[in-house]
Amino acid sequence: MIDLKNLTPFQLDALKEIGNIGASHADTALSELLRKKVWISVPEAKVVPLDEVPQEFGGAEKMVVGVYLQMQGQISGNILFFFSQETAMTLADILMNRPAGTTKVLNEMDQSAIKETGTILAGSCLTALSALTNKEIIPSIPYYAMDMLGALVDFIIINLSQNAEYAMIIQLEFSESEYKIDGSFLLLPDPQSLEVILTSLGVG
């Protein structure tokens, strides 16, 4: 049984590699979408108890904009990809080719563009995870959400019947010629799937 509370640096590096490979695919897709070069890096990856996730990002009441979907197949659980509300507005400026600081309220087109971006990122991450573990992962339809981070985590746990005890946090940093913004992935595999992931990566 893997002790998820005390993962080694080698095991955390293996989790970070999921993000690195996913980012290499995602920056190509986003560069094509935006028609400008976008770089995505992964400065950090960690595993924390699920109930401590909001504290990692400034508290349960922090307003975030995110995209979530369910994982099914040989690895099951949920993914939540999110930005702070302020960062989401900057992202909307980038996606809609507006001057920095233009967006004050996310309209329907902004939300659709952010959802598409989150879907690309989540899909790239799942593709990387599937390739690295050699396990089939089937994603659900993605959903857009704007709420307090604590409420989103609670929604995933309660309404999506998520039984994860730990969350894999993969930090992402986006940059292009004029902007640099941060985003975060929460991978919420069920307990058995997290062990499958680490074992498949050779660090179980």
Protein backbone atom coordinates (compact mmCIF):
# COMPACT_ATOMS: atom_id res chain seq x y z
CA MET A 1 0.00 0.00 0.00
CA ILE A 2 1.47 3.37 -1.04
CA ASP A 3 1.74 5.92 1.77
CA LEU A 4 0.17 8.90 0.02
CA LYS A 5 0.92 11.18 2.96
CA ASN A 6 4.65 10.73 2.51
CA LEU A 7 5.44 10.55 -1.19
CA THR A 8 9.13 10.70 -2.04
CA PRO A 9 10.63 13.43 -4.24
CA PHE A 10 11.00 10.79 -6.95
CA GLN A 11 7.28 9.97 -6.80
CA LEU A 12 6.36 13.68 -6.91
CA ASP A 13 8.66 14.14 -9.92
CA ALA A 14 6.76 11.34 -11.66
CA LEU A 15 3.47 13.17 -11.02
CA LYS A 16 5.03 16.40 -12.28
CA GLU A 17 5.99 14.60 -15.48
CA ILE A 18 2.29 14.04 -16.20
CA GLY A 19 1.87 17.80 -16.15
CA ASN A 20 5.02 18.40 -18.21
CA ILE A 21 3.95 16.07 -21.01
CA GLY A 22 0.39 17.37 -20.94
CA ALA A 23 1.70 20.95 -21.07
CA SER A 24 3.86 20.19 -24.12
CA HIS A 25 0.74 19.07 -26.00
CA ALA A 26 -1.45 21.86 -24.62
CA ASP A 27 0.86 24.73 -25.53
CA THR A 28 0.87 23.55 -29.15
CA ALA A 29 -2.94 23.40 -29.22
CA LEU A 30 -3.32 26.79 -27.52
CA SER A 31 -0.75 28.39 -29.81
CA GLU A 32 -2.82 27.24 -32.78
CA LEU A 33 -6.03 28.47 -31.15
CA LEU A 34 -4.60 31.92 -30.35
CA ARG A 35 -2.40 32.17 -33.45
CA LYS A 36 0.51 33.19 -31.24
CA LYS A 37 3.16 31.24 -29.36
CA VAL A 38 2.17 30.16 -25.86
CA TRP A 39 4.52 28.48 -23.39
CA ILE A 40 3.23 26.35 -20.51
CA SER A 41 5.51 25.21 -17.69
CA VAL A 42 4.89 23.10 -14.58
CA PRO A 43 6.71 24.64 -11.61
CA GLU A 44 5.23 22.32 -8.96
CA ALA A 45 3.32 19.09 -8.34
CA LYS A 46 2.20 17.75 -4.98
CA VAL A 47 -0.35 15.50 -3.27
CA VAL A 48 -2.40 16.90 -0.39
CA PRO A 49 -5.39 15.68 1.65
CA LEU A 50 -8.58 16.70 -0.13
CA ASP A 51 -9.89 18.77 2.78
CA GLU A 52 -6.69 20.88 2.71
CA VAL A 53 -7.02 21.86 -0.96
CA PRO A 54 -8.75 25.25 -0.40
CA GLN A 55 -6.04 26.31 2.07
CA GLU A 56 -3.41 25.67 -0.61
CA PHE A 57 -4.97 28.44 -2.71
CA GLY A 58 -5.94 31.10 -0.22
CA GLY A 59 -8.98 29.61 1.49
CA ALA A 60 -12.39 28.07 0.78
CA GLU A 61 -13.97 31.44 -0.08
CA LYS A 62 -11.52 32.27 -2.89
CA MET A 63 -13.48 32.89 -6.09
CA VAL A 64 -12.28 30.77 -8.99
CA VAL A 65 -13.30 30.05 -12.55
CA GLY A 66 -12.88 26.48 -13.64
CA VAL A 67 -13.67 23.55 -15.88
CA TYR A 68 -14.33 20.13 -14.43
CA LEU A 69 -14.94 16.69 -15.85
CA GLN A 70 -15.08 13.09 -14.74
CA MET A 71 -12.57 10.35 -15.57
CA GLN A 72 -13.89 6.88 -16.30
CA GLY A 73 -12.29 3.66 -17.46
CA GLN A 74 -9.21 2.02 -15.94
CA ILE A 75 -8.49 5.22 -14.01
CA SER A 76 -11.49 6.94 -12.46
CA GLY A 77 -12.10 10.17 -10.59
CA ASN A 78 -12.44 13.85 -11.46
CA ILE A 79 -10.41 16.74 -12.81
CA LEU A 80 -10.86 20.40 -11.89
CA PHE A 81 -8.82 22.96 -13.79
CA PHE A 82 -9.15 26.49 -12.44
CA PHE A 83 -7.89 30.08 -12.34
CA SER A 84 -8.52 32.80 -9.81
CA GLN A 85 -11.33 35.10 -10.93
CA GLU A 86 -8.83 37.89 -11.66
CA THR A 87 -6.61 35.58 -13.70
CA ALA A 88 -9.62 34.33 -15.65
CA MET A 89 -10.36 37.90 -16.73
CA THR A 90 -6.75 38.28 -17.93
CA LEU A 91 -7.10 34.99 -19.79
CA ALA A 92 -10.29 36.29 -21.41
CA ASP A 93 -8.35 39.35 -22.62
CA ILE A 94 -5.75 37.03 -24.18
CA LEU A 95 -8.31 34.71 -25.76
CA MET A 96 -10.44 37.54 -27.14
CA ASN A 97 -7.42 39.62 -28.22
CA ARG A 98 -8.29 42.59 -26.00
CA PRO A 99 -5.91 45.04 -24.28
CA ALA A 100 -4.82 43.95 -20.81
CA GLY A 101 -7.30 44.90 -18.08
CA THR A 102 -10.28 45.29 -20.43
CA THR A 103 -12.42 42.48 -19.04
CA LYS A 104 -14.27 43.31 -15.82
CA VAL A 105 -17.13 40.79 -16.14
CA LEU A 106 -16.96 37.46 -17.96
CA ASN A 107 -19.64 37.40 -20.65
CA GLU A 108 -20.98 34.31 -22.40
CA MET A 109 -18.30 34.39 -25.11
CA ASP A 110 -15.55 34.75 -22.50
CA GLN A 111 -16.93 31.79 -20.56
CA SER A 112 -17.10 29.69 -23.72
CA ALA A 113 -13.49 30.54 -24.61
CA ILE A 114 -12.27 29.72 -21.09
CA LYS A 115 -14.20 26.45 -21.17
CA GLU A 116 -12.56 25.54 -24.49
CA THR A 117 -9.14 26.35 -23.05
CA GLY A 118 -9.80 24.27 -19.95
CA THR A 119 -11.02 21.40 -22.12
CA ILE A 120 -7.81 21.51 -24.18
CA LEU A 121 -5.67 21.51 -21.04
CA ALA A 122 -7.64 18.75 -19.33
CA GLY A 123 -7.60 16.64 -22.50
CA SER A 124 -3.84 17.07 -22.86
CA CYS A 125 -3.30 16.07 -19.24
CA LEU A 126 -5.50 12.98 -19.60
CA THR A 127 -3.75 11.99 -22.83
CA ALA A 128 -0.39 12.24 -21.05
CA LEU A 129 -1.69 10.30 -18.05
CA SER A 130 -3.12 7.57 -20.29
CA ALA A 131 0.11 7.27 -22.29
CA LEU A 132 2.37 7.19 -19.22
CA THR A 133 0.28 4.61 -17.37
CA ASN A 134 -0.88 2.64 -20.42
CA LYS A 135 -4.40 2.78 -18.98
CA GLU A 136 -7.61 3.71 -20.78
CA ILE A 137 -9.21 6.93 -19.51
CA ILE A 138 -12.56 8.12 -20.87
CA PRO A 139 -13.40 11.79 -20.14
CA SER A 140 -16.94 13.04 -19.62
CA ILE A 141 -18.38 16.20 -21.13
CA PRO A 142 -16.59 19.19 -19.53
CA TYR A 143 -18.52 21.72 -17.43
CA TYR A 144 -17.78 25.39 -16.75
CA ALA A 145 -18.13 26.76 -13.22
CA MET A 146 -17.53 30.00 -11.33
CA ASP A 147 -17.79 29.75 -7.56
CA MET A 148 -15.83 29.66 -4.32
CA LEU A 149 -13.12 27.00 -4.42
CA GLY A 150 -14.44 25.29 -1.31
CA ALA A 151 -17.91 25.03 -2.86
CA LEU A 152 -16.51 23.49 -6.07
CA VAL A 153 -14.52 20.90 -4.14
CA ASP A 154 -17.59 20.09 -2.04
CA PHE A 155 -19.69 19.79 -5.21
CA ILE A 156 -17.28 17.26 -6.67
CA ILE A 157 -17.21 15.24 -3.47
CA ILE A 158 -20.97 15.27 -2.80
CA ASN A 159 -22.76 15.55 -6.15
CA LEU A 160 -20.33 13.54 -8.25
CA SER A 161 -19.95 10.82 -5.61
CA GLN A 162 -16.19 11.37 -5.51
CA ASN A 163 -14.52 9.20 -2.88
CA ALA A 164 -10.97 10.52 -3.25
CA GLU A 165 -9.04 11.18 -0.06
CA TYR A 166 -6.19 13.04 -1.73
CA ALA A 167 -5.81 15.51 -4.57
CA MET A 168 -2.91 15.68 -7.00
CA ILE A 169 -2.15 19.38 -7.51
CA ILE A 170 -0.29 20.33 -10.68
CA GLN A 171 0.55 24.01 -10.97
CA LEU A 172 0.74 25.51 -14.47
CA GLU A 173 2.31 28.76 -15.64
CA PHE A 174 1.26 30.26 -18.98
CA SER A 175 3.29 32.87 -20.79
CA GLU A 176 3.29 34.59 -24.16
CA SER A 177 4.75 37.84 -25.44
CA GLU A 178 2.69 40.15 -23.19
CA TYR A 179 1.22 38.05 -20.37
CA LYS A 180 2.15 35.54 -17.71
CA ILE A 181 -0.63 33.84 -15.74
CA ASP A 182 -0.98 30.90 -13.34
CA GLY A 183 -3.51 28.09 -13.30
CA SER A 184 -3.97 24.88 -11.34
CA PHE A 185 -5.05 21.33 -12.00
CA LEU A 186 -6.68 19.21 -9.33
CA LEU A 187 -6.58 15.54 -10.25
CA LEU A 188 -8.93 13.69 -7.93
CA PRO A 189 -8.48 10.00 -8.68
CA ASP A 190 -10.23 7.55 -6.42
CA PRO A 191 -7.85 5.88 -3.91
CA GLN A 192 -7.36 2.75 -6.02
CA SER A 193 -6.68 4.79 -9.16
CA LEU A 194 -4.02 6.93 -7.48
CA GLU A 195 -2.16 3.77 -6.51
CA VAL A 196 -2.57 2.48 -10.08
CA ILE A 197 -1.11 5.75 -11.40
CA LEU A 198 1.96 5.65 -9.16
CA THR A 199 2.53 1.94 -9.69
CA SER A 200 2.19 2.33 -13.48
CA LEU A 201 4.77 5.12 -13.36
CA GLY A 202 7.16 2.76 -11.64
CA VAL A 203 7.18 4.63 -8.35
CA GLY A 204 4.74 2.52 -6.36
